Amino acid sequence: REFTRKELKDIAAYIESLPGDLVLKK
C-alpha cells in the first residue's frame, strides 16, 4: 500500500522531531 501525502508529511514531521544523531548516523 502506498502512503498518502498526509501520511508522508506526518512521518517527515516525526523524523524531524527526533534527535539528529538518531536519524543521521554517519
PDB file of N, CA and C in Angstrom:
ATOM      1  N   ARG A   1       0.842  -1.194   0.000  1.00  0.00           N
ATOM      2  CA  ARG A   1       0.000   0.000   0.000  1.00  0.00           C
ATOM      3  C   ARG A   1       0.871   1.235   0.000  1.00  0.00           C
ATOM      4  N   GLU A   2       0.414   2.269  -0.674  1.00  0.00           N
ATOM      5  CA  GLU A   2       1.212   3.489  -0.765  1.00  0.00           C
ATOM      6  C   GLU A   2       0.787   4.498   0.285  1.00  0.00           C
ATOM      7  N   PHE A   3       1.746   5.287   0.726  1.00  0.00           N
ATOM      8  CA  PHE A   3       1.442   6.326   1.701  1.00  0.00           C
ATOM      9  C   PHE A   3       0.737   7.487   1.009  1.00  0.00           C
ATOM     10  N   THR A   4      -0.183   8.091   1.721  1.00  0.00           N
ATOM     11  CA  THR A   4      -0.802   9.305   1.192  1.00  0.00           C
ATOM     12  C   THR A   4       0.108  10.485   1.492  1.00  0.00           C
ATOM     13  N   ARG A   5      -0.171  11.605   0.832  1.00  0.00           N
ATOM     14  CA  ARG A   5       0.662  12.792   1.048  1.00  0.00           C
ATOM     15  C   ARG A   5       0.628  13.226   2.506  1.00  0.00           C
ATOM     16  N   LYS A   6      -0.549  13.105   3.148  1.00  0.00           N
ATOM     17  CA  LYS A   6      -0.669  13.490   4.554  1.00  0.00           C
ATOM     18  C   LYS A   6       0.192  12.588   5.424  1.00  0.00           C
ATOM     19  N   GLU A   7       0.177  11.291   5.135  1.00  0.00           N
ATOM     20  CA  GLU A   7       0.971  10.353   5.937  1.00  0.00           C
ATOM     21  C   GLU A   7       2.455  10.646   5.795  1.00  0.00           C
ATOM     22  N   LEU A   8       2.892  10.943   4.583  1.00  0.00           N
ATOM     23  CA  LEU A   8       4.302  11.259   4.378  1.00  0.00           C
ATOM     24  C   LEU A   8       4.692  12.513   5.151  1.00  0.00           C
ATOM     25  N   LYS A   9       3.791  13.493   5.173  1.00  0.00           N
ATOM     26  CA  LYS A   9       4.069  14.730   5.910  1.00  0.00           C
ATOM     27  C   LYS A   9       4.165  14.444   7.401  1.00  0.00           C
ATOM     28  N   ASP A  10       3.264  13.591   7.909  1.00  0.00           N
ATOM     29  CA  ASP A  10       3.292  13.243   9.334  1.00  0.00           C
ATOM     30  C   ASP A  10       4.572  12.494   9.680  1.00  0.00           C
ATOM     31  N   ILE A  11       4.976  11.574   8.803  1.00  0.00           N
ATOM     32  CA  ILE A  11       6.201  10.802   9.040  1.00  0.00           C
ATOM     33  C   ILE A  11       7.416  11.730   9.032  1.00  0.00           C
ATOM     34  N   ALA A  12       7.454  12.646   8.081  1.00  0.00           N
ATOM     35  CA  ALA A  12       8.578  13.579   7.996  1.00  0.00           C
ATOM     36  C   ALA A  12       8.655  14.446   9.247  1.00  0.00           C
ATOM     37  N   ALA A  13       7.507  14.898   9.730  1.00  0.00           N
ATOM     38  CA  ALA A  13       7.482  15.728  10.934  1.00  0.00           C
ATOM     39  C   ALA A  13       7.967  14.931  12.139  1.00  0.00           C
ATOM     40  N   TYR A  14       7.579  13.650  12.193  1.00  0.00           N
ATOM     41  CA  TYR A  14       8.021  12.803  13.304  1.00  0.00           C
ATOM     42  C   TYR A  14       9.528  12.607  13.265  1.00  0.00           C
ATOM     43  N   ILE A  15      10.062  12.320  12.090  1.00  0.00           N
ATOM     44  CA  ILE A  15      11.502  12.108  11.955  1.00  0.00           C
ATOM     45  C   ILE A  15      12.264  13.377  12.334  1.00  0.00           C
ATOM     46  N   GLU A  16      11.762  14.532  11.901  1.00  0.00           N
ATOM     47  CA  GLU A  16      12.446  15.795  12.206  1.00  0.00           C
ATOM     48  C   GLU A  16      12.414  16.113  13.693  1.00  0.00           C
ATOM     49  N   SER A  17      11.443  15.535  14.411  1.00  0.00           N
ATOM     50  CA  SER A  17      11.339  15.808  15.844  1.00  0.00           C
ATOM     51  C   SER A  17      12.305  14.949  16.660  1.00  0.00           C
ATOM     52  N   LEU A  18      12.887  13.936  16.014  1.00  0.00           N
ATOM     53  CA  LEU A  18      13.829  13.067  16.718  1.00  0.00           C
ATOM     54  C   LEU A  18      15.180  13.753  16.848  1.00  0.00           C
ATOM     55  N   PRO A  19      15.985  13.327  17.822  1.00  0.00           N
ATOM     56  CA  PRO A  19      17.345  13.854  17.942  1.00  0.00           C
ATOM     57  C   PRO A  19      18.132  13.585  16.662  1.00  0.00           C
ATOM     58  N   GLY A  20      18.874  14.572  16.203  1.00  0.00           N
ATOM     59  CA  GLY A  20      19.585  14.461  14.934  1.00  0.00           C
ATOM     60  C   GLY A  20      20.528  13.274  14.851  1.00  0.00           C
ATOM     61  N   ASP A  21      21.223  12.957  15.954  1.00  0.00           N
ATOM     62  CA  ASP A  21      22.199  11.868  15.903  1.00  0.00           C
ATOM     63  C   ASP A  21      21.509  10.516  15.768  1.00  0.00           C
ATOM     64  N   LEU A  22      20.240  10.444  16.140  1.00  0.00           N
ATOM     65  CA  LEU A  22      19.500   9.201  15.962  1.00  0.00           C
ATOM     66  C   LEU A  22      19.179   8.979  14.496  1.00  0.00           C
ATOM     67  N   VAL A  23      18.832  10.075  13.810  1.00  0.00           N
ATOM     68  CA  VAL A  23      18.422   9.978  12.414  1.00  0.00           C
ATOM     69  C   VAL A  23      19.632   9.843  11.503  1.00  0.00           C
ATOM     70  N   LEU A  24      20.649  10.684  11.740  1.00  0.00           N
ATOM     71  CA  LEU A  24      21.798  10.715  10.842  1.00  0.00           C
ATOM     72  C   LEU A  24      22.999  10.054  11.494  1.00  0.00           C
ATOM     73  N   LYS A  25      23.011   8.731  11.449  1.00  0.00           N
ATOM     74  CA  LYS A  25      24.170   8.017  11.997  1.00  0.00           C
ATOM     75  C   LYS A  25      25.188   7.830  10.887  1.00  0.00           C
ATOM     76  N   LYS A  26      26.259   8.626  10.955  1.00  0.00           N
ATOM     77  CA  LYS A  26      27.269   8.534   9.908  1.00  0.00           C
ATOM     78  C   LYS A  26      28.549   7.962  10.489  1.00  0.00           C
TER      79      LYS A  26
END
